[in-house]
Structures are given as C-alpha cells and as structure tokens.
Protein backbone atom coordinates (compact mmCIF):
# COMPACT_ATOMS: atom_id res chain seq x y z
CA MET A 1 -18.28 11.09 -1.60
CA THR A 2 -16.01 8.97 -3.77
CA LYS A 3 -12.95 7.20 -2.40
CA GLU A 4 -10.60 9.56 -4.26
CA LYS A 5 -12.45 12.64 -2.99
CA LEU A 6 -12.39 11.26 0.57
CA LEU A 7 -8.64 10.61 0.37
CA THR A 8 -8.03 14.04 -1.16
CA THR A 9 -10.03 15.62 1.67
CA ALA A 10 -7.86 13.76 4.22
CA ILE A 11 -4.69 15.00 2.51
CA ASN A 12 -5.99 18.57 2.38
CA THR A 13 -7.13 18.41 6.01
CA TYR A 14 -4.02 16.87 7.57
CA GLY A 15 -1.37 17.94 5.04
CA HIS A 16 1.19 16.10 2.94
CA MET A 17 3.85 15.63 5.60
CA PRO A 18 1.56 14.14 8.27
CA GLN A 19 0.02 11.76 5.74
CA LYS A 20 3.45 10.66 4.53
CA LEU A 21 4.45 10.00 8.14
CA MET A 22 1.18 8.13 8.72
CA ALA A 23 1.97 5.95 5.70
CA ILE A 24 5.32 5.05 7.25
CA GLU A 25 3.63 4.32 10.58
CA GLU A 26 1.01 2.08 8.97
CA MET A 27 3.67 0.15 7.03
CA SER A 28 5.59 -0.33 10.27
CA GLU A 29 2.48 -1.66 12.01
CA LEU A 30 1.95 -4.15 9.19
CA ALA A 31 5.58 -5.27 9.44
CA LYS A 32 5.16 -5.72 13.20
CA GLU A 33 2.08 -7.92 12.75
CA ILE A 34 3.85 -10.03 10.12
CA CYS A 35 6.73 -10.53 12.56
CA LYS A 36 4.24 -11.67 15.19
CA ASP A 37 2.89 -14.17 12.66
CA PHE A 38 6.38 -15.63 12.28
CA ARG A 39 6.41 -16.15 16.05
CA GLY A 40 3.23 -18.21 15.82
CA ASN A 41 0.59 -15.66 16.78
CA ASN A 42 -2.84 -16.24 15.29
CA ASN A 43 -3.24 -12.64 14.13
CA ARG A 44 -4.56 -12.91 10.58
CA ASP A 45 -7.40 -10.50 11.29
CA LYS A 46 -4.95 -7.91 12.64
CA ILE A 47 -2.73 -8.40 9.57
CA SER A 48 -5.79 -7.84 7.35
CA GLU A 49 -6.61 -4.66 9.27
CA GLU A 50 -3.07 -3.34 8.87
CA MET A 51 -3.04 -4.28 5.18
CA ALA A 52 -6.20 -2.18 4.73
CA ASP A 53 -4.52 0.75 6.48
CA VAL A 54 -1.47 0.42 4.21
CA GLU A 55 -3.66 0.25 1.08
CA ILE A 56 -5.45 3.44 2.13
CA MET A 57 -2.18 5.24 2.79
CA LEU A 58 -0.66 4.01 -0.50
CA ALA A 59 -3.68 5.43 -2.31
CA GLN A 60 -3.04 8.76 -0.59
CA LEU A 61 0.65 8.64 -1.54
CA LYS A 62 -0.38 8.13 -5.17
CA LEU A 63 -2.50 11.27 -4.93
CA ILE A 64 0.23 13.24 -3.19
CA TYR A 65 2.83 12.29 -5.78
CA SER A 66 0.32 12.30 -8.67
CA ASN A 67 1.94 9.25 -10.18
CA HIS A 68 -0.89 6.79 -10.83
CA GLY A 69 0.44 6.02 -14.31
CA SER A 70 4.02 5.67 -13.14
CA VAL A 71 3.07 3.23 -10.39
CA ARG A 72 1.00 1.16 -12.85
CA LYS A 73 3.94 1.14 -15.30
CA TRP A 74 6.39 -0.06 -12.64
CA THR A 75 3.93 -2.60 -11.27
CA ASN A 76 3.56 -4.14 -14.72
CA ILE A 77 7.33 -4.17 -15.30
CA LYS A 78 7.92 -5.90 -11.98
CA LEU A 79 5.08 -8.40 -12.48
CA ARG A 80 6.44 -9.33 -15.92
CA ARG A 81 9.90 -9.76 -14.35
CA LEU A 82 8.44 -11.99 -11.63
CA ALA A 83 6.58 -14.09 -14.20
CA GLN A 84 9.77 -14.46 -16.20
CA ARG A 85 11.69 -15.63 -13.12
CA LEU A 86 8.93 -18.13 -12.35
CA GLY A 87 8.84 -19.31 -15.95
CA VAL A 88 5.14 -18.56 -16.36
CA ALA A 89 3.10 -16.40 -18.71
CA TYR A 90 1.72 -13.11 -17.44
CA ASP A 91 -1.12 -11.25 -19.12
CA ASP A 92 -1.26 -7.62 -18.10
C-alpha cells in the first residue's frame, strides 16, 4: 500500500473531524517537546518522533483539503520571501 493510500484509508476509517483534531494534538505535542528543549531537556529523539507525527498529519490534512498545489504554491512564495529577507538566492 502506498503512503497516500494508507493516509486516505486512515481518513476514511476515522473521519475528517477526528483526523483534524489529531493534527492539532500532534502539533501541540511537538510544541510541548520544543518547550522542554528550551528548558534544557535532552529530548531530541522525542522531538524527532513528534515531528514525524506532525508530518503524517499534515499529509492527511493536504488530502482532506485537496490542496497539494496550493500548499506548494504558498511554500514557494514564503521561501522566496525568506531568501529575500536573508539576502540570498533561492532556486525553487
């Protein structure tokens, strides 16, 4: 089973609303681990785990909102803006 098919199966099994709520929960868990890092905890592995969870949920949100192209467009706009602020070239 491909990644997209697996994620689509999860969305169809659990539903849009629960997966949207899970995305919020996973982002909150990542934020919590980053805050712990600021306090000096050696939790890089936990941060990596939470980042993976957030990436999976973001991929599901892209499927739910069917906006792959729109996200790519906005990502490129924002990366070009960042490059401009940093005074560096950006090749997208």
